[in-house]
């Protein structure tokens, strides 16, 4: 299959991927033995670094 166009959605304009990102972060942390509530990851997504 040959693609003519590629679309990137970096700032959640078309798709809100925050829930998926939080889920993947949680799964990765659990693989390392770190247990953090999903809600904690979700609240951190999209915040600027200080």
N, C-alpha and C. Protein backbone atom coordinates (compact mmCIF):
# COMPACT_ATOMS: atom_id res chain seq x y z
N UNK A 1 0.84 -1.17 0.00
CA UNK A 1 0.00 0.00 0.00
C UNK A 1 0.89 1.24 0.00
N UNK A 2 0.57 2.16 -0.85
CA UNK A 2 1.33 3.40 -0.95
C UNK A 2 0.49 4.55 -0.40
N UNK A 3 1.08 5.32 0.50
CA UNK A 3 0.38 6.45 1.11
C UNK A 3 0.77 7.75 0.42
N UNK A 4 -0.21 8.60 0.19
CA UNK A 4 0.05 9.90 -0.42
C UNK A 4 0.22 10.98 0.65
N UNK A 5 -0.44 10.80 1.77
CA UNK A 5 -0.41 11.81 2.83
C UNK A 5 -0.26 11.15 4.20
N UNK A 6 0.32 11.89 5.11
CA UNK A 6 0.43 11.47 6.50
C UNK A 6 -0.07 12.62 7.35
N UNK A 7 -0.89 12.31 8.34
CA UNK A 7 -1.46 13.34 9.20
C UNK A 7 -0.98 13.12 10.63
N UNK A 8 -0.40 14.15 11.24
CA UNK A 8 0.04 14.09 12.63
C UNK A 8 -0.88 14.96 13.47
N UNK A 9 -1.33 14.42 14.58
CA UNK A 9 -2.20 15.16 15.51
C UNK A 9 -1.45 15.32 16.82
N UNK A 10 -0.62 16.35 16.91
CA UNK A 10 0.27 16.53 18.06
C UNK A 10 -0.44 17.14 19.26
N UNK A 11 -1.38 18.01 19.06
CA UNK A 11 -1.95 18.75 20.19
C UNK A 11 -3.40 18.38 20.48
N UNK A 12 -3.78 17.15 20.18
CA UNK A 12 -5.14 16.66 20.46
C UNK A 12 -6.23 17.44 19.76
N UNK A 13 -5.95 17.97 18.59
CA UNK A 13 -6.95 18.69 17.83
C UNK A 13 -8.01 17.74 17.26
N UNK A 14 -7.57 16.62 16.74
CA UNK A 14 -8.50 15.67 16.13
C UNK A 14 -8.84 14.50 17.06
N UNK A 15 -7.86 14.03 17.78
CA UNK A 15 -8.04 12.87 18.65
C UNK A 15 -7.51 13.19 20.04
N UNK A 16 -8.31 12.93 21.06
CA UNK A 16 -7.85 13.12 22.43
C UNK A 16 -7.19 11.82 22.88
N UNK A 17 -5.88 11.80 22.87
CA UNK A 17 -5.14 10.58 23.19
C UNK A 17 -4.65 10.55 24.63
N UNK A 18 -5.07 11.49 25.45
CA UNK A 18 -4.58 11.58 26.83
C UNK A 18 -4.88 10.31 27.63
N UNK A 19 -6.06 9.73 27.46
CA UNK A 19 -6.40 8.52 28.21
C UNK A 19 -5.51 7.35 27.80
N UNK A 20 -5.24 7.22 26.52
CA UNK A 20 -4.37 6.15 26.05
C UNK A 20 -2.95 6.36 26.56
N UNK A 21 -2.46 7.57 26.52
CA UNK A 21 -1.11 7.88 27.02
C UNK A 21 -1.01 7.53 28.50
N UNK A 22 -2.01 7.92 29.28
CA UNK A 22 -2.01 7.63 30.72
C UNK A 22 -2.00 6.13 30.96
N UNK A 23 -2.80 5.40 30.20
CA UNK A 23 -2.85 3.94 30.36
C UNK A 23 -1.49 3.31 30.05
N UNK A 24 -0.84 3.75 28.99
CA UNK A 24 0.46 3.20 28.62
C UNK A 24 1.53 3.55 29.64
N UNK A 25 1.49 4.77 30.17
CA UNK A 25 2.43 5.15 31.23
C UNK A 25 2.25 4.28 32.46
N UNK A 26 1.00 4.05 32.84
CA UNK A 26 0.70 3.21 34.00
C UNK A 26 1.21 1.78 33.78
N UNK A 27 0.97 1.22 32.62
CA UNK A 27 1.43 -0.13 32.32
C UNK A 27 2.95 -0.22 32.37
N UNK A 28 3.62 0.79 31.83
CA UNK A 28 5.08 0.81 31.87
C UNK A 28 5.62 0.90 33.28
N UNK A 29 5.00 1.73 34.10
CA UNK A 29 5.41 1.87 35.49
C UNK A 29 5.22 0.56 36.24
N UNK A 30 4.08 -0.10 36.02
CA UNK A 30 3.81 -1.37 36.70
C UNK A 30 4.80 -2.45 36.31
N UNK A 31 5.27 -2.44 35.08
CA UNK A 31 6.29 -3.40 34.67
C UNK A 31 7.58 -3.21 35.45
N UNK A 32 7.80 -1.99 35.91
CA UNK A 32 9.00 -1.68 36.70
C UNK A 32 8.72 -1.79 38.21
N UNK A 33 7.52 -2.24 38.57
CA UNK A 33 7.18 -2.43 39.97
C UNK A 33 6.70 -1.17 40.67
N UNK A 34 6.33 -0.15 39.90
CA UNK A 34 5.83 1.10 40.47
C UNK A 34 4.32 1.15 40.25
N UNK A 35 3.59 1.32 41.33
CA UNK A 35 2.12 1.33 41.24
C UNK A 35 1.60 2.72 41.57
N UNK A 36 1.02 3.36 40.56
CA UNK A 36 0.47 4.71 40.68
C UNK A 36 -0.94 4.66 40.10
N UNK A 37 -1.92 5.29 40.76
CA UNK A 37 -3.28 5.29 40.21
C UNK A 37 -3.33 5.94 38.82
N UNK A 38 -4.17 5.40 37.96
CA UNK A 38 -4.32 5.93 36.60
C UNK A 38 -4.66 7.42 36.63
N UNK A 39 -5.50 7.81 37.57
CA UNK A 39 -5.90 9.22 37.69
C UNK A 39 -4.69 10.14 37.87
N UNK A 40 -3.67 9.67 38.57
CA UNK A 40 -2.47 10.47 38.80
C UNK A 40 -1.74 10.74 37.48
N UNK A 41 -1.62 9.75 36.64
CA UNK A 41 -0.99 9.95 35.33
C UNK A 41 -1.83 10.90 34.48
N UNK A 42 -3.15 10.69 34.51
CA UNK A 42 -4.05 11.49 33.67
C UNK A 42 -3.97 12.98 34.01
N UNK A 43 -3.84 13.30 35.29
CA UNK A 43 -3.81 14.72 35.69
C UNK A 43 -2.50 15.40 35.29
N UNK A 44 -1.47 14.62 35.02
CA UNK A 44 -0.16 15.19 34.67
C UNK A 44 0.01 15.43 33.17
N UNK A 45 -0.79 14.80 32.36
CA UNK A 45 -0.65 14.93 30.91
C UNK A 45 -1.10 16.31 30.47
N UNK A 46 -0.26 16.97 29.69
CA UNK A 46 -0.59 18.29 29.16
C UNK A 46 -0.12 19.45 30.01
N UNK A 47 0.44 19.16 31.19
CA UNK A 47 0.94 20.24 32.04
C UNK A 47 2.34 20.64 31.58
N UNK A 48 2.60 21.92 31.63
CA UNK A 48 3.93 22.41 31.25
C UNK A 48 4.93 22.11 32.36
N UNK A 49 6.16 21.90 31.98
CA UNK A 49 7.22 21.71 32.98
C UNK A 49 7.53 23.03 33.65
N UNK A 50 7.87 22.96 34.91
CA UNK A 50 8.21 24.19 35.64
C UNK A 50 9.64 24.15 36.09
